[in-house]
Amino acid sequence: MKIKKVLTALLAAMLLLGTLASCAGESTAITVQLAIYATNAEGEEDVIYDGPVEVDVESPTVLSAVLEAAAQNGFDVTLKSNDMSVASFKEYGDKTDENGIAYYWDYTKNGAIPDAETGGKAGADAIVDGDVIVYEYLTMDLSAGDDTAAE
């Protein structure tokens, strides 16, 4: 009787390990489209990245897609102090100039601005296969409240 219980427990453990091992081989990779662009000092569009990004992490976010694209394609990205949002791509960073013009990065996902639930934080904005993410370098005249693409 005791041997039967031990064999049953051993069989159950082997089945559980086999199930876990088969799950480990499954890929959770998704592919999203990512475009990152800014307007340089000469008024020309600077395309930092534009193409597909494969993301293979648990709970992928907009930020994980950005970091993966940067790692695969060698462009610089700096995060804000909260590590949840982008502060700069290449030489284009968050700043306010002497004329009160603020420069910053913003993104859309599938044509929509981030919702209030994520607070606009790319590290909190979940993505799924097929999402389209567009980052744009914007300016705002702090005295006028004007929000436009960087010129």
N, C-alpha and C. Protein backbone atom coordinates (compact mmCIF):
# COMPACT_ATOMS: atom_id res chain seq x y z
N MET A 1 0.83 -1.19 0.00
CA MET A 1 0.00 0.00 0.00
C MET A 1 0.87 1.26 0.00
N LYS A 2 1.93 1.23 0.86
CA LYS A 2 2.83 2.38 0.95
C LYS A 2 3.57 2.57 -0.38
N ILE A 3 3.97 1.49 -1.01
CA ILE A 3 4.68 1.56 -2.29
C ILE A 3 3.77 2.15 -3.36
N LYS A 4 2.50 1.81 -3.33
CA LYS A 4 1.54 2.34 -4.30
C LYS A 4 1.43 3.86 -4.16
N LYS A 5 1.40 4.38 -2.93
CA LYS A 5 1.32 5.82 -2.70
C LYS A 5 2.58 6.51 -3.19
N VAL A 6 3.73 5.93 -2.94
CA VAL A 6 5.00 6.51 -3.38
C VAL A 6 5.07 6.53 -4.90
N LEU A 7 4.67 5.43 -5.54
CA LEU A 7 4.68 5.37 -7.00
C LEU A 7 3.69 6.37 -7.60
N THR A 8 2.54 6.54 -6.99
CA THR A 8 1.55 7.50 -7.46
C THR A 8 2.10 8.92 -7.36
N ALA A 9 2.73 9.25 -6.22
CA ALA A 9 3.32 10.57 -6.03
C ALA A 9 4.45 10.80 -7.03
N LEU A 10 5.26 9.78 -7.26
CA LEU A 10 6.37 9.89 -8.21
C LEU A 10 5.84 10.10 -9.63
N LEU A 11 4.81 9.38 -10.02
CA LEU A 11 4.21 9.53 -11.33
C LEU A 11 3.62 10.93 -11.50
N ALA A 12 2.94 11.43 -10.47
CA ALA A 12 2.36 12.78 -10.53
C ALA A 12 3.47 13.83 -10.69
N ALA A 13 4.57 13.67 -9.98
CA ALA A 13 5.69 14.61 -10.07
C ALA A 13 6.30 14.58 -11.48
N MET A 14 6.43 13.38 -12.05
CA MET A 14 7.00 13.27 -13.39
C MET A 14 6.08 13.94 -14.42
N LEU A 15 4.77 13.76 -14.29
CA LEU A 15 3.83 14.40 -15.20
C LEU A 15 3.90 15.92 -15.08
N LEU A 16 3.99 16.43 -13.87
CA LEU A 16 4.08 17.87 -13.65
C LEU A 16 5.37 18.42 -14.27
N LEU A 17 6.49 17.75 -14.06
CA LEU A 17 7.76 18.20 -14.64
C LEU A 17 7.71 18.16 -16.16
N GLY A 18 7.10 17.13 -16.72
CA GLY A 18 6.98 17.04 -18.17
C GLY A 18 6.14 18.18 -18.74
N THR A 19 5.08 18.52 -18.07
CA THR A 19 4.22 19.62 -18.50
C THR A 19 4.97 20.94 -18.44
N LEU A 20 5.68 21.17 -17.35
CA LEU A 20 6.45 22.41 -17.21
C LEU A 20 7.55 22.50 -18.26
N ALA A 21 8.21 21.40 -18.53
CA ALA A 21 9.29 21.40 -19.52
C ALA A 21 8.75 21.70 -20.92
N SER A 22 7.58 21.18 -21.25
CA SER A 22 7.03 21.45 -22.59
C SER A 22 6.61 22.90 -22.73
N CYS A 23 6.17 23.54 -21.65
CA CYS A 23 5.80 24.96 -21.71
C CYS A 23 7.01 25.86 -21.86
N ALA A 24 8.14 25.43 -21.32
CA ALA A 24 9.34 26.26 -21.35
C ALA A 24 9.82 26.50 -22.77
N GLY A 25 9.53 25.60 -23.69
CA GLY A 25 10.01 25.75 -25.05
C GLY A 25 9.15 26.67 -25.92
N GLU A 26 7.99 27.09 -25.42
CA GLU A 26 7.10 27.92 -26.21
C GLU A 26 7.59 29.36 -26.23
N SER A 27 7.53 29.98 -27.38
CA SER A 27 7.95 31.37 -27.50
C SER A 27 6.78 32.30 -27.22
N THR A 28 7.07 33.39 -26.53
CA THR A 28 6.06 34.41 -26.27
C THR A 28 6.34 35.65 -27.11
N ALA A 29 7.18 35.50 -28.13
CA ALA A 29 7.60 36.64 -28.94
C ALA A 29 6.43 37.25 -29.69
N ILE A 30 6.45 38.59 -29.74
CA ILE A 30 5.48 39.34 -30.54
C ILE A 30 6.28 40.27 -31.44
N THR A 31 5.65 40.73 -32.50
CA THR A 31 6.29 41.69 -33.39
C THR A 31 5.40 42.93 -33.48
N VAL A 32 6.02 44.09 -33.26
CA VAL A 32 5.32 45.37 -33.37
C VAL A 32 6.06 46.23 -34.39
N GLN A 33 5.38 47.23 -34.90
CA GLN A 33 6.01 48.21 -35.78
C GLN A 33 6.37 49.43 -34.92
N LEU A 34 7.59 49.92 -35.09
CA LEU A 34 8.06 51.06 -34.31
C LEU A 34 8.66 52.10 -35.25
N ALA A 35 8.23 53.35 -35.10
CA ALA A 35 8.81 54.46 -35.85
C ALA A 35 9.20 55.53 -34.84
N ILE A 36 10.42 56.06 -35.00
CA ILE A 36 10.92 57.11 -34.12
C ILE A 36 11.51 58.18 -35.02
N TYR A 37 10.96 59.40 -34.93
CA TYR A 37 11.49 60.44 -35.79
C TYR A 37 11.45 61.80 -35.10
N ALA A 38 12.38 62.65 -35.55
CA ALA A 38 12.49 64.02 -35.04
C ALA A 38 12.78 64.93 -36.21
N THR A 39 12.58 66.22 -36.00
CA THR A 39 12.98 67.22 -36.98
C THR A 39 14.25 67.88 -36.47
N ASN A 40 15.31 67.85 -37.28
CA ASN A 40 16.59 68.40 -36.83
C ASN A 40 16.62 69.92 -36.97
N ALA A 41 17.74 70.53 -36.58
CA ALA A 41 17.87 72.00 -36.59
C ALA A 41 17.72 72.59 -37.99
N GLU A 42 18.01 71.81 -39.02
CA GLU A 42 17.87 72.27 -40.40
C GLU A 42 16.45 72.09 -40.94
N GLY A 43 15.55 71.59 -40.10
CA GLY A 43 14.17 71.39 -40.52
C GLY A 43 13.94 70.11 -41.28
N GLU A 44 14.92 69.21 -41.29
CA GLU A 44 14.79 67.94 -42.01
C GLU A 44 14.37 66.84 -41.04
N GLU A 45 13.54 65.92 -41.54
CA GLU A 45 13.13 64.81 -40.70
C GLU A 45 14.30 63.85 -40.51
N ASP A 46 14.56 63.48 -39.27
CA ASP A 46 15.60 62.52 -38.92
C ASP A 46 14.90 61.25 -38.45
N VAL A 47 14.96 60.22 -39.28
CA VAL A 47 14.34 58.94 -38.93
C VAL A 47 15.34 58.15 -38.10
N ILE A 48 15.05 58.00 -36.85
CA ILE A 48 15.94 57.27 -35.94
C ILE A 48 15.75 55.78 -36.11
N TYR A 49 14.50 55.36 -36.26
CA TYR A 49 14.19 53.95 -36.51
C TYR A 49 12.81 53.88 -37.14
N ASP A 50 12.63 52.95 -38.06
CA ASP A 50 11.33 52.71 -38.66
C ASP A 50 11.30 51.28 -39.17
N GLY A 51 10.64 50.41 -38.43
CA GLY A 51 10.57 49.03 -38.86
C GLY A 51 9.99 48.12 -37.79
N PRO A 52 10.03 46.82 -38.06
CA PRO A 52 9.50 45.86 -37.10
C PRO A 52 10.48 45.63 -35.94
N VAL A 53 9.91 45.28 -34.79
CA VAL A 53 10.71 44.92 -33.62
C VAL A 53 10.10 43.65 -33.03
N GLU A 54 10.93 42.63 -32.85
CA GLU A 54 10.47 41.43 -32.17
C GLU A 54 10.80 41.56 -30.69
N VAL A 55 9.80 41.38 -29.86
CA VAL A 55 9.94 41.50 -28.41
C VAL A 55 9.59 40.16 -27.79
N ASP A 56 10.51 39.61 -27.02
CA ASP A 56 10.30 38.30 -26.40
C ASP A 56 10.56 38.41 -24.90
N VAL A 57 9.66 39.11 -24.23
CA VAL A 57 9.72 39.24 -22.77
C VAL A 57 8.34 38.98 -22.20
N GLU A 58 8.30 38.62 -20.94
CA GLU A 58 7.01 38.46 -20.28
C GLU A 58 6.43 39.85 -20.06
N SER A 59 5.18 40.05 -20.34
CA SER A 59 4.47 41.32 -20.18
C SER A 59 5.15 42.45 -20.96
N PRO A 60 5.21 42.35 -22.29
CA PRO A 60 5.89 43.38 -23.09
C PRO A 60 5.17 44.73 -23.03
N THR A 61 5.97 45.80 -23.08
CA THR A 61 5.46 47.17 -23.04
C THR A 61 6.03 47.97 -24.21
N VAL A 62 5.51 49.17 -24.38
CA VAL A 62 6.05 50.08 -25.38
C VAL A 62 7.55 50.27 -25.13
N LEU A 63 7.92 50.46 -23.88
CA LEU A 63 9.32 50.69 -23.55
C LEU A 63 10.19 49.48 -23.85
N SER A 64 9.70 48.27 -23.61
CA SER A 64 10.51 47.09 -23.92
C SER A 64 10.74 46.98 -25.43
N ALA A 65 9.78 47.40 -26.25
CA ALA A 65 9.98 47.41 -27.70
C ALA A 65 11.04 48.44 -28.09
N VAL A 66 10.99 49.61 -27.47
CA VAL A 66 11.99 50.66 -27.75
C VAL A 66 13.39 50.18 -27.38
N LEU A 67 13.52 49.61 -26.20
CA LEU A 67 14.84 49.16 -25.75
C LEU A 67 15.38 48.02 -26.61
N GLU A 68 14.49 47.14 -27.06
CA GLU A 68 14.91 46.05 -27.95
C GLU A 68 15.38 46.60 -29.30
N ALA A 69 14.64 47.56 -29.86
CA ALA A 69 15.05 48.17 -31.13
C ALA A 69 16.39 48.87 -30.99
N ALA A 70 16.59 49.57 -29.88
CA ALA A 70 17.86 50.26 -29.66
C ALA A 70 19.01 49.27 -29.54
N ALA A 71 18.79 48.18 -28.82
CA ALA A 71 19.84 47.16 -28.66
C ALA A 71 20.18 46.49 -30.00
N GLN A 72 19.17 46.22 -30.81
CA GLN A 72 19.39 45.54 -32.09
C GLN A 72 19.98 46.46 -33.16
N ASN A 73 19.73 47.77 -33.05
CA ASN A 73 20.09 48.68 -34.13
C ASN A 73 21.09 49.76 -33.74
N GLY A 74 21.54 49.76 -32.51
CA GLY A 74 22.64 50.62 -32.09
C GLY A 74 22.35 52.11 -32.00
N PHE A 75 21.13 52.51 -31.72
CA PHE A 75 20.89 53.93 -31.50
C PHE A 75 20.75 54.18 -29.99
N ASP A 76 21.11 55.41 -29.59
CA ASP A 76 21.09 55.77 -28.17
C ASP A 76 19.69 56.10 -27.70
N VAL A 77 19.37 55.61 -26.52
CA VAL A 77 18.11 55.97 -25.85
C VAL A 77 18.44 56.17 -24.37
N THR A 78 17.92 57.25 -23.81
CA THR A 78 18.10 57.55 -22.39
C THR A 78 16.72 57.61 -21.76
N LEU A 79 16.61 57.03 -20.57
CA LEU A 79 15.33 57.01 -19.88
C LEU A 79 15.26 58.13 -18.85
N LYS A 80 14.03 58.53 -18.54
CA LYS A 80 13.82 59.50 -17.47
C LYS A 80 14.18 58.85 -16.15
N SER A 81 14.29 59.63 -15.12
CA SER A 81 14.73 59.12 -13.82
C SER A 81 13.81 58.02 -13.27
N ASN A 82 12.56 57.99 -13.69
CA ASN A 82 11.64 56.95 -13.23
C ASN A 82 11.81 55.63 -13.99
N ASP A 83 12.68 55.63 -15.02
CA ASP A 83 12.93 54.45 -15.86
C ASP A 83 11.67 53.90 -16.53
N MET A 84 10.66 54.73 -16.70
CA MET A 84 9.40 54.30 -17.30
C MET A 84 9.10 55.02 -18.61
N SER A 85 9.89 56.05 -18.94
CA SER A 85 9.62 56.87 -20.12
C SER A 85 10.94 57.27 -20.77
N VAL A 86 10.86 57.63 -22.04
CA VAL A 86 12.04 58.05 -22.80
C VAL A 86 12.33 59.53 -22.55
N ALA A 87 13.60 59.83 -22.25
CA ALA A 87 14.05 61.23 -22.11
C ALA A 87 14.73 61.70 -23.39
N SER A 88 15.44 60.77 -24.08
CA SER A 88 16.10 61.18 -25.32
C SER A 88 16.36 59.99 -26.23
N PHE A 89 16.37 60.29 -27.52
CA PHE A 89 16.88 59.40 -28.57
C PHE A 89 17.99 60.19 -29.25
N LYS A 90 19.14 59.55 -29.41
CA LYS A 90 20.29 60.24 -30.02
C LYS A 90 20.51 61.58 -29.32
N GLU A 91 20.67 62.65 -30.08
CA GLU A 91 20.92 63.97 -29.48
C GLU A 91 19.65 64.74 -29.15
N TYR A 92 18.50 64.14 -29.40
CA TYR A 92 17.22 64.82 -29.18
C TYR A 92 16.69 64.48 -27.79
N GLY A 93 16.79 65.44 -26.87
CA GLY A 93 16.37 65.16 -25.51
C GLY A 93 15.38 66.16 -24.97
N ASP A 94 14.76 65.78 -23.87
CA ASP A 94 13.86 66.69 -23.16
C ASP A 94 14.63 67.91 -22.71
N LYS A 95 14.11 69.09 -23.02
CA LYS A 95 14.76 70.33 -22.61
C LYS A 95 13.79 71.49 -22.80
N THR A 96 14.13 72.61 -22.20
CA THR A 96 13.44 73.87 -22.45
C THR A 96 14.50 74.89 -22.82
N ASP A 97 14.34 75.54 -23.98
CA ASP A 97 15.36 76.50 -24.42
C ASP A 97 15.14 77.88 -23.80
N GLU A 98 16.03 78.80 -24.15
CA GLU A 98 16.01 80.15 -23.58
C GLU A 98 14.76 80.94 -23.96
N ASN A 99 14.05 80.51 -24.98
CA ASN A 99 12.82 81.19 -25.41
C ASN A 99 11.55 80.58 -24.80
N GLY A 100 11.72 79.63 -23.90
CA GLY A 100 10.57 79.00 -23.26
C GLY A 100 9.93 77.91 -24.10
N ILE A 101 10.66 77.41 -25.09
CA ILE A 101 10.16 76.31 -25.92
C ILE A 101 10.61 74.99 -25.29
N ALA A 102 9.65 74.15 -24.94
CA ALA A 102 9.94 72.84 -24.37
C ALA A 102 10.01 71.81 -25.50
N TYR A 103 11.02 70.96 -25.45
CA TYR A 103 11.21 69.85 -26.39
C TYR A 103 11.04 68.55 -25.62
N TYR A 104 10.27 67.63 -26.18
CA TYR A 104 10.01 66.38 -25.48
C TYR A 104 9.56 65.30 -26.46
N TRP A 105 9.64 64.06 -26.01
CA TRP A 105 9.19 62.91 -26.79
C TRP A 105 7.81 62.49 -26.35
N ASP A 106 6.97 62.17 -27.32
CA ASP A 106 5.66 61.62 -27.04
C ASP A 106 5.40 60.49 -28.03
N TYR A 107 4.51 59.59 -27.70
CA TYR A 107 4.23 58.47 -28.60
C TYR A 107 2.74 58.23 -28.72
N THR A 108 2.40 57.53 -29.79
CA THR A 108 1.06 57.00 -29.96
C THR A 108 1.17 55.50 -30.14
N LYS A 109 0.12 54.81 -29.79
CA LYS A 109 0.05 53.36 -30.01
C LYS A 109 -1.22 53.11 -30.79
N ASN A 110 -1.07 52.57 -31.98
CA ASN A 110 -2.20 52.31 -32.87
C ASN A 110 -2.99 53.59 -33.13
N GLY A 111 -2.26 54.71 -33.26
CA GLY A 111 -2.86 55.99 -33.59
C GLY A 111 -3.47 56.76 -32.44
N ALA A 112 -3.42 56.20 -31.24
CA ALA A 112 -4.02 56.85 -30.07
C ALA A 112 -2.95 57.25 -29.06
N ILE A 113 -3.17 58.37 -28.39
CA ILE A 113 -2.25 58.78 -27.34
C ILE A 113 -2.43 57.84 -26.15
N PRO A 114 -1.40 57.71 -25.31
CA PRO A 114 -1.51 56.80 -24.16
C PRO A 114 -2.70 57.18 -23.28
N ASP A 115 -3.33 56.17 -22.71
CA ASP A 115 -4.49 56.46 -21.87
C ASP A 115 -4.07 56.86 -20.45
N ALA A 116 -5.01 57.40 -19.73
CA ALA A 116 -4.74 57.88 -18.37
C ALA A 116 -4.30 56.75 -17.44
N GLU A 117 -4.68 55.53 -17.76
CA GLU A 117 -4.33 54.39 -16.90
C GLU A 117 -2.82 54.22 -16.79
N THR A 118 -2.09 54.45 -17.87
CA THR A 118 -0.63 54.29 -17.83
C THR A 118 0.07 55.59 -17.46
N GLY A 119 -0.64 56.68 -17.42
CA GLY A 119 -0.02 57.96 -17.11
C GLY A 119 0.96 58.40 -18.18
N GLY A 120 0.83 57.86 -19.38
CA GLY A 120 1.75 58.21 -20.46
C GLY A 120 3.12 57.56 -20.32
N LYS A 121 3.25 56.64 -19.41
CA LYS A 121 4.53 55.97 -19.18
C LYS A 121 4.65 54.75 -20.10
N ALA A 122 5.65 54.78 -20.96
CA ALA A 122 5.85 53.69 -21.91
C ALA A 122 6.13 52.37 -21.23
N GLY A 123 6.72 52.40 -20.06
CA GLY A 123 7.02 51.18 -19.32
C GLY A 123 5.81 50.54 -18.69
N ALA A 124 4.67 51.24 -18.70
CA ALA A 124 3.43 50.70 -18.13
C ALA A 124 2.39 50.41 -19.19
N ASP A 125 2.70 50.70 -20.45
CA ASP A 125 1.74 50.57 -21.55
C ASP A 125 1.97 49.23 -22.27
N ALA A 126 1.10 48.26 -22.00
CA ALA A 126 1.24 46.92 -22.57
C ALA A 126 1.05 46.94 -24.08
N ILE A 127 1.77 46.05 -24.75
CA ILE A 127 1.64 45.90 -26.20
C ILE A 127 1.30 44.46 -26.54
N VAL A 128 0.73 44.29 -27.74
CA VAL A 128 0.42 42.96 -28.26
C VAL A 128 0.93 42.88 -29.70
N ASP A 129 0.97 41.67 -30.20
CA ASP A 129 1.43 41.44 -31.56
C ASP A 129 0.67 42.32 -32.55
N GLY A 130 1.41 43.01 -33.42
CA GLY A 130 0.79 43.83 -34.46
C GLY A 130 0.60 45.29 -34.10
N ASP A 131 0.86 45.68 -32.84
CA ASP A 131 0.71 47.08 -32.47
C ASP A 131 1.65 47.96 -33.29
N VAL A 132 1.24 49.21 -33.49
CA VAL A 132 2.05 50.20 -34.20
C VAL A 132 2.34 51.35 -33.23
N ILE A 133 3.63 51.58 -32.99
CA ILE A 133 4.07 52.61 -32.04
C ILE A 133 4.84 53.67 -32.81
N VAL A 134 4.48 54.93 -32.60
CA VAL A 134 5.16 56.04 -33.27
C VAL A 134 5.61 57.04 -32.21
N TYR A 135 6.92 57.27 -32.14
CA TYR A 135 7.49 58.31 -31.27
C TYR A 135 7.78 59.54 -32.11
N GLU A 136 7.44 60.71 -31.59
CA GLU A 136 7.67 61.96 -32.28
C GLU A 136 8.25 62.97 -31.31
N TYR A 137 9.25 63.72 -31.78
CA TYR A 137 9.88 64.77 -30.98
C TYR A 137 9.05 66.03 -31.15
N LEU A 138 8.45 66.49 -30.06
CA LEU A 138 7.52 67.61 -30.11
C LEU A 138 8.07 68.83 -29.39
N THR A 139 7.46 69.98 -29.68
CA THR A 139 7.77 71.21 -28.97
C THR A 139 6.48 71.80 -28.41
N MET A 140 6.64 72.56 -27.37
CA MET A 140 5.51 73.29 -26.81
C MET A 140 6.03 74.65 -26.35
N ASP A 141 5.37 75.70 -26.83
CA ASP A 141 5.67 77.05 -26.36
C ASP A 141 4.97 77.18 -25.02
N LEU A 142 5.75 77.17 -23.95
CA LEU A 142 5.16 77.16 -22.61
C LEU A 142 4.35 78.41 -22.32
N SER A 143 4.65 79.49 -23.02
CA SER A 143 3.88 80.72 -22.79
C SER A 143 2.56 80.71 -23.56
N ALA A 144 2.49 79.91 -24.65
CA ALA A 144 1.29 79.92 -25.48
C ALA A 144 0.50 78.60 -25.41
N GLY A 145 1.12 77.54 -24.87
CA GLY A 145 0.44 76.25 -24.81
C GLY A 145 0.39 75.54 -26.14
N ASP A 146 1.23 75.93 -27.10
CA ASP A 146 1.25 75.34 -28.44
C ASP A 146 2.01 74.02 -28.42
N ASP A 147 1.41 72.95 -28.93
CA ASP A 147 2.01 71.61 -28.94
C ASP A 147 2.15 71.19 -30.42
N THR A 148 3.38 71.23 -30.94
CA THR A 148 3.60 70.89 -32.35
C THR A 148 4.84 70.04 -32.50
N ALA A 149 5.03 69.51 -33.69
CA ALA A 149 6.25 68.75 -33.99
C ALA A 149 7.43 69.70 -33.91
N ALA A 150 8.56 69.19 -33.40
CA ALA A 150 9.76 70.02 -33.25
C ALA A 150 10.18 70.60 -34.59
N GLU A 151 10.54 71.88 -34.57
CA GLU A 151 10.98 72.55 -35.80
C GLU A 151 12.43 72.93 -35.70
